[in-house]
Amino acid sequence: MGATSYTHNATRPGAGRTSYGRTPRGRSSSPAAGYRGARYVPTSLAEQLAFDDEPSISVVPGAGRRARAQAEGISAAALSLAKVCAVVCIVIALIAMARVAITSAAASCALETRAIENNIEAARAQGNDLEVSQSVLANPSRIKAQATALGMAAPTSDMTDQIVLPPDIVATDGAGSLSLSESVARLASQ
């Protein structure tokens, strides 16, 4: 048996040429994309084949980072613009939320103030009513009429007695303190 070997298929058109970069249709290709495969060739036949053309390598100039950015689908400027727009949207949302919070707090304070004002007005009205009631109830003619309706009358001179109290025996000194000795002396003199 003879030895076998694998060789590059040079019989196909363009098989000896490897290109890197973009294909004629504009699609990017890897170095392996230009490889067409190998075929089984017996050793004896491989020695008989002559490879006159050597595989050619052609380099297609690319755009470097720009090509990668375009391949990713978004450029750095568009990305930074999107970030700026996102930050602006967030700031606007925060300002709007703060404004809504302040407005709701102001409305709540206004409602509480109105409720307190209503309570004050009700208390003043009740105070005025109580003053009127007190002045009506404290009127001497009304009190006399009520007393008469209950069977009460003003005292007459024949119904009064006078009580005469003896002089006080408790004595004080010049400083306003109680003096026991003077009190005892007053008691003894009576």
C-alpha atoms as a PDB file:
ATOM      1  CA  MET A   1       0.000   0.000   0.000  1.00  0.00           C
ATOM      2  CA  GLY A   2       1.173   3.425  -0.776  1.00  0.00           C
ATOM      3  CA  ALA A   3       1.230   6.390   1.580  1.00  0.00           C
ATOM      4  CA  THR A   4      -1.530   8.929   1.238  1.00  0.00           C
ATOM      5  CA  SER A   5      -1.399  12.681   1.570  1.00  0.00           C
ATOM      6  CA  TYR A   6      -3.805  15.584   1.512  1.00  0.00           C
ATOM      7  CA  THR A   7      -3.141  18.469  -0.776  1.00  0.00           C
ATOM      8  CA  HIS A   8      -4.745  21.744  -1.538  1.00  0.00           C
ATOM      9  CA  ASN A   9      -7.306  21.580  -4.339  1.00  0.00           C
ATOM     10  CA  ALA A  10      -5.612  23.651  -7.029  1.00  0.00           C
ATOM     11  CA  THR A  11      -7.856  22.481  -9.821  1.00  0.00           C
ATOM     12  CA  ARG A  12     -10.816  24.731  -8.918  1.00  0.00           C
ATOM     13  CA  PRO A  13     -10.752  28.264 -10.209  1.00  0.00           C
ATOM     14  CA  GLY A  14      -9.705  30.647  -7.473  1.00  0.00           C
ATOM     15  CA  ALA A  15      -8.818  27.761  -5.207  1.00  0.00           C
ATOM     16  CA  GLY A  16      -5.213  28.858  -4.916  1.00  0.00           C
ATOM     17  CA  ARG A  17      -6.131  32.346  -3.782  1.00  0.00           C
ATOM     18  CA  THR A  18      -6.973  33.161  -0.168  1.00  0.00           C
ATOM     19  CA  SER A  19      -8.492  36.519   0.608  1.00  0.00           C
ATOM     20  CA  TYR A  20      -9.071  38.103   3.971  1.00  0.00           C
ATOM     21  CA  GLY A  21     -11.471  40.858   4.780  1.00  0.00           C
ATOM     22  CA  ARG A  22     -14.575  41.277   2.583  1.00  0.00           C
ATOM     23  CA  THR A  23     -15.859  38.971  -0.084  1.00  0.00           C
ATOM     24  CA  PRO A  24     -16.934  40.331  -3.461  1.00  0.00           C
ATOM     25  CA  ARG A  25     -20.516  40.436  -2.225  1.00  0.00           C
ATOM     26  CA  GLY A  26     -19.525  42.745   0.630  1.00  0.00           C
ATOM     27  CA  ARG A  27     -19.778  40.207   3.435  1.00  0.00           C
ATOM     28  CA  SER A  28     -16.891  39.916   5.830  1.00  0.00           C
ATOM     29  CA  SER A  29     -15.057  36.647   5.799  1.00  0.00           C
ATOM     30  CA  SER A  30     -12.618  34.983   8.075  1.00  0.00           C
ATOM     31  CA  PRO A  31      -9.334  33.509   6.898  1.00  0.00           C
ATOM     32  CA  ALA A  32     -10.998  30.104   6.843  1.00  0.00           C
ATOM     33  CA  ALA A  33     -13.739  31.350   4.527  1.00  0.00           C
ATOM     34  CA  GLY A  34     -11.411  31.236   1.509  1.00  0.00           C
ATOM     35  CA  TYR A  35     -10.469  27.633   2.214  1.00  0.00           C
ATOM     36  CA  ARG A  36     -12.282  25.311  -0.137  1.00  0.00           C
ATOM     37  CA  GLY A  37     -11.235  21.979   1.371  1.00  0.00           C
ATOM     38  CA  ALA A  38      -8.799  19.216   0.670  1.00  0.00           C
ATOM     39  CA  ARG A  39      -9.164  16.156  -1.436  1.00  0.00           C
ATOM     40  CA  TYR A  40      -7.711  12.766  -1.121  1.00  0.00           C
ATOM     41  CA  VAL A  41      -4.868  12.230  -3.518  1.00  0.00           C
ATOM     42  CA  PRO A  42      -2.772   9.069  -3.526  1.00  0.00           C
ATOM     43  CA  THR A  43       0.930   9.643  -2.913  1.00  0.00           C
ATOM     44  CA  SER A  44       1.945   8.466  -6.311  1.00  0.00           C
ATOM     45  CA  LEU A  45      -0.470  10.873  -7.951  1.00  0.00           C
ATOM     46  CA  ALA A  46       0.563  13.722  -5.608  1.00  0.00           C
ATOM     47  CA  GLU A  47       4.137  13.376  -6.789  1.00  0.00           C
ATOM     48  CA  GLN A  48       3.021  13.590 -10.363  1.00  0.00           C
ATOM     49  CA  LEU A  49       1.022  16.791  -9.836  1.00  0.00           C
ATOM     50  CA  ALA A  50       2.966  19.952 -10.223  1.00  0.00           C
ATOM     51  CA  PHE A  51       1.856  23.030  -8.389  1.00  0.00           C
ATOM     52  CA  ASP A  52       3.088  25.803 -10.537  1.00  0.00           C
ATOM     53  CA  ASP A  53       1.054  28.572  -8.942  1.00  0.00           C
ATOM     54  CA  GLU A  54       1.515  29.165  -5.391  1.00  0.00           C
ATOM     55  CA  PRO A  55      -1.471  30.311  -3.403  1.00  0.00           C
ATOM     56  CA  SER A  56      -1.784  34.050  -3.482  1.00  0.00           C
ATOM     57  CA  ILE A  57      -2.769  36.083  -0.466  1.00  0.00           C
ATOM     58  CA  SER A  58      -4.497  39.360  -1.044  1.00  0.00           C
ATOM     59  CA  VAL A  59      -5.073  41.900   1.705  1.00  0.00           C
ATOM     60  CA  VAL A  60      -8.174  44.005   1.614  1.00  0.00           C
ATOM     61  CA  PRO A  61      -7.651  47.238   3.497  1.00  0.00           C
ATOM     62  CA  GLY A  62     -10.267  47.754   6.217  1.00  0.00           C
ATOM     63  CA  ALA A  63     -11.403  50.696   8.209  1.00  0.00           C
ATOM     64  CA  GLY A  64     -10.131  49.499  11.585  1.00  0.00           C
ATOM     65  CA  ARG A  65     -12.120  50.791  14.556  1.00  0.00           C
ATOM     66  CA  ARG A  66     -14.586  52.564  12.348  1.00  0.00           C
ATOM     67  CA  ALA A  67     -15.426  49.287  10.605  1.00  0.00           C
ATOM     68  CA  ARG A  68     -15.843  47.550  13.972  1.00  0.00           C
ATOM     69  CA  ALA A  69     -18.092  50.303  15.241  1.00  0.00           C
ATOM     70  CA  GLN A  70     -20.174  50.139  12.072  1.00  0.00           C
ATOM     71  CA  ALA A  71     -20.261  46.369  12.336  1.00  0.00           C
ATOM     72  CA  GLU A  72     -21.579  46.689  15.897  1.00  0.00           C
ATOM     73  CA  GLY A  73     -24.395  48.833  14.569  1.00  0.00           C
ATOM     74  CA  ILE A  74     -23.942  51.965  16.698  1.00  0.00           C
ATOM     75  CA  SER A  75     -21.309  54.644  16.629  1.00  0.00           C
ATOM     76  CA  ALA A  76     -19.650  56.224  19.631  1.00  0.00           C
ATOM     77  CA  ALA A  77     -21.331  59.567  18.917  1.00  0.00           C
ATOM     78  CA  ALA A  78     -24.762  57.967  18.811  1.00  0.00           C
ATOM     79  CA  LEU A  79     -24.000  56.092  22.019  1.00  0.00           C
ATOM     80  CA  SER A  80     -22.920  59.272  23.815  1.00  0.00           C
ATOM     81  CA  LEU A  81     -25.985  61.097  22.464  1.00  0.00           C
ATOM     82  CA  ALA A  82     -28.200  58.298  23.805  1.00  0.00           C
ATOM     83  CA  LYS A  83     -26.512  58.579  27.209  1.00  0.00           C
ATOM     84  CA  VAL A  84     -27.027  62.351  27.277  1.00  0.00           C
ATOM     85  CA  CYS A  85     -30.690  61.907  26.297  1.00  0.00           C
ATOM     86  CA  ALA A  86     -31.146  59.322  29.050  1.00  0.00           C
ATOM     87  CA  VAL A  87     -29.600  61.654  31.648  1.00  0.00           C
ATOM     88  CA  VAL A  88     -31.788  64.559  30.467  1.00  0.00           C
ATOM     89  CA  CYS A  89     -34.898  62.352  30.655  1.00  0.00           C
ATOM     90  CA  ILE A  90     -33.995  61.248  34.178  1.00  0.00           C
ATOM     91  CA  VAL A  91     -33.395  64.851  35.287  1.00  0.00           C
ATOM     92  CA  ILE A  92     -36.716  65.965  33.776  1.00  0.00           C
ATOM     93  CA  ALA A  93     -38.490  63.062  35.490  1.00  0.00           C
ATOM     94  CA  LEU A  94     -36.931  63.971  38.855  1.00  0.00           C
ATOM     95  CA  ILE A  95     -37.914  67.628  38.435  1.00  0.00           C
ATOM     96  CA  ALA A  96     -41.462  66.610  37.505  1.00  0.00           C
ATOM     97  CA  MET A  97     -41.725  64.294  40.534  1.00  0.00           C
ATOM     98  CA  ALA A  98     -40.400  67.058  42.821  1.00  0.00           C
ATOM     99  CA  ARG A  99     -42.921  69.526  41.372  1.00  0.00           C
ATOM    100  CA  VAL A 100     -45.776  67.072  41.871  1.00  0.00           C
ATOM    101  CA  ALA A 101     -44.644  66.420  45.456  1.00  0.00           C
ATOM    102  CA  ILE A 102     -44.429  70.151  46.214  1.00  0.00           C
ATOM    103  CA  THR A 103     -47.802  70.816  44.600  1.00  0.00           C
ATOM    104  CA  SER A 104     -49.486  68.012  46.543  1.00  0.00           C
ATOM    105  CA  ALA A 105     -47.889  69.223  49.797  1.00  0.00           C
ATOM    106  CA  ALA A 106     -49.126  72.774  49.099  1.00  0.00           C
ATOM    107  CA  ALA A 107     -52.627  71.494  48.342  1.00  0.00           C
ATOM    108  CA  SER A 108     -52.606  69.432  51.544  1.00  0.00           C
ATOM    109  CA  CYS A 109     -51.505  72.478  53.575  1.00  0.00           C
ATOM    110  CA  ALA A 110     -54.231  74.592  51.939  1.00  0.00           C
ATOM    111  CA  LEU A 111     -56.867  71.987  52.861  1.00  0.00           C
ATOM    112  CA  GLU A 112     -55.628  71.810  56.456  1.00  0.00           C
ATOM    113  CA  THR A 113     -55.582  75.616  56.685  1.00  0.00           C
ATOM    114  CA  ARG A 114     -59.139  75.822  55.384  1.00  0.00           C
ATOM    115  CA  ALA A 115     -60.285  73.187  57.909  1.00  0.00           C
ATOM    116  CA  ILE A 116     -58.613  75.116  60.765  1.00  0.00           C
ATOM    117  CA  GLU A 117     -60.200  78.385  59.568  1.00  0.00           C
ATOM    118  CA  ASN A 118     -63.618  76.689  59.548  1.00  0.00           C
ATOM    119  CA  ASN A 119     -63.009  75.444  63.103  1.00  0.00           C
ATOM    120  CA  ILE A 120     -62.000  78.942  64.222  1.00  0.00           C
ATOM    121  CA  GLU A 121     -65.135  80.452  62.648  1.00  0.00           C
ATOM    122  CA  ALA A 122     -67.302  77.819  64.349  1.00  0.00           C
ATOM    123  CA  ALA A 123     -65.599  78.472  67.719  1.00  0.00           C
ATOM    124  CA  ARG A 124     -66.113  82.252  67.356  1.00  0.00           C
ATOM    125  CA  ALA A 125     -69.777  81.773  66.505  1.00  0.00           C
ATOM    126  CA  GLN A 126     -70.196  79.460  69.497  1.00  0.00           C
ATOM    127  CA  GLY A 127     -68.377  81.998  71.726  1.00  0.00           C
ATOM    128  CA  ASN A 128     -70.705  84.778  70.534  1.00  0.00           C
ATOM    129  CA  ASP A 129     -73.722  82.578  71.260  1.00  0.00           C
ATOM    130  CA  LEU A 130     -72.380  81.827  74.752  1.00  0.00           C
ATOM    131  CA  GLU A 131     -71.824  85.546  75.451  1.00  0.00           C
ATOM    132  CA  VAL A 132     -75.407  86.302  74.438  1.00  0.00           C
ATOM    133  CA  SER A 133     -76.679  83.453  76.621  1.00  0.00           C
ATOM    134  CA  GLN A 134     -74.555  84.625  79.572  1.00  0.00           C
ATOM    135  CA  SER A 135     -75.786  88.203  79.259  1.00  0.00           C
ATOM    136  CA  VAL A 136     -79.421  86.988  79.106  1.00  0.00           C
ATOM    137  CA  LEU A 137     -78.948  84.665  82.082  1.00  0.00           C
ATOM    138  CA  ALA A 138     -77.085  87.286  84.156  1.00  0.00           C
ATOM    139  CA  ASN A 139     -79.777  89.965  83.656  1.00  0.00           C
ATOM    140  CA  PRO A 140     -81.030  90.985  87.182  1.00  0.00           C
ATOM    141  CA  SER A 141     -84.647  91.341  86.055  1.00  0.00           C
ATOM    142  CA  ARG A 142     -84.621  87.758  84.672  1.00  0.00           C
ATOM    143  CA  ILE A 143     -83.059  86.432  87.880  1.00  0.00           C
ATOM    144  CA  LYS A 144     -85.778  88.248  89.952  1.00  0.00           C
ATOM    145  CA  ALA A 145     -88.499  86.807  87.694  1.00  0.00           C
ATOM    146  CA  GLN A 146     -87.115  83.289  88.008  1.00  0.00           C
ATOM    147  CA  ALA A 147     -86.816  83.637  91.793  1.00  0.00           C
ATOM    148  CA  THR A 148     -90.380  84.870  92.041  1.00  0.00           C
ATOM    149  CA  ALA A 149     -91.551  81.919  89.909  1.00  0.00           C
ATOM    150  CA  LEU A 150     -89.817  79.578  92.372  1.00  0.00           C
ATOM    151  CA  GLY A 151     -91.498  81.274  95.357  1.00  0.00           C
ATOM    152  CA  MET A 152     -88.528  83.276  96.544  1.00  0.00           C
ATOM    153  CA  ALA A 153     -88.752  86.847  97.780  1.00  0.00           C
ATOM    154  CA  ALA A 154     -86.345  89.561  98.888  1.00  0.00           C
ATOM    155  CA  PRO A 155     -85.817  89.706 102.691  1.00  0.00           C
ATOM    156  CA  THR A 156     -87.732  92.324 104.659  1.00  0.00           C
ATOM    157  CA  SER A 157     -86.541  94.236 107.766  1.00  0.00           C
ATOM    158  CA  ASP A 158     -88.676  92.192 110.154  1.00  0.00           C
ATOM    159  CA  MET A 159     -87.050  89.006 108.930  1.00  0.00           C
ATOM    160  CA  THR A 160     -83.498  90.141 109.641  1.00  0.00           C
ATOM    161  CA  ASP A 161     -81.516  89.854 112.861  1.00  0.00           C
ATOM    162  CA  GLN A 162     -78.248  91.445 113.738  1.00  0.00           C
ATOM    163  CA  ILE A 163     -75.490  89.609 115.491  1.00  0.00           C
ATOM    164  CA  VAL A 164     -72.965  91.657 117.420  1.00  0.00           C
ATOM    165  CA  LEU A 165     -69.577  90.008 117.823  1.00  0.00           C
ATOM    166  CA  PRO A 166     -67.244  90.840 120.697  1.00  0.00           C
ATOM    167  CA  PRO A 167     -63.906  92.425 119.796  1.00  0.00           C
ATOM    168  CA  ASP A 168     -61.215  90.091 118.525  1.00  0.00           C
ATOM    169  CA  ILE A 169     -58.833  88.843 121.152  1.00  0.00           C
ATOM    170  CA  VAL A 170     -56.086  87.862 118.732  1.00  0.00           C
ATOM    171  CA  ALA A 171     -53.362  90.502 118.662  1.00  0.00           C
ATOM    172  CA  THR A 172     -50.462  91.038 116.286  1.00  0.00           C
ATOM    173  CA  ASP A 173     -47.221  92.883 116.774  1.00  0.00           C
ATOM    174  CA  GLY A 174     -45.714  95.592 114.506  1.00  0.00           C
ATOM    175  CA  ALA A 175     -44.228  93.023 112.084  1.00  0.00           C
ATOM    176  CA  GLY A 176     -47.614  91.391 111.501  1.00  0.00           C
ATOM    177  CA  SER A 177     -46.809  88.266 113.521  1.00  0.00           C
ATOM    178  CA  LEU A 178     -49.255  86.877 116.058  1.00  0.00           C
ATOM    179  CA  SER A 179     -48.491  87.834 119.601  1.00  0.00           C
ATOM    180  CA  LEU A 180     -49.561  85.281 122.191  1.00  0.00           C
ATOM    181  CA  SER A 181     -48.859  87.468 125.204  1.00  0.00           C
ATOM    182  CA  GLU A 182     -51.037  90.353 123.964  1.00  0.00           C
ATOM    183  CA  SER A 183     -53.804  87.933 122.986  1.00  0.00           C
ATOM    184  CA  VAL A 184     -53.768  86.464 126.530  1.00  0.00           C
ATOM    185  CA  ALA A 185     -53.818  89.996 127.992  1.00  0.00           C
ATOM    186  CA  ARG A 186     -56.897  90.913 125.873  1.00  0.00           C
ATOM    187  CA  LEU A 187     -58.641  87.734 126.924  1.00  0.00           C
ATOM    188  CA  ALA A 188     -57.955  88.483 130.609  1.00  0.00           C
ATOM    189  CA  SER A 189     -59.319  92.009 130.292  1.00  0.00           C
ATOM    190  CA  GLN A 190     -62.682  90.835 129.029  1.00  0.00           C
END
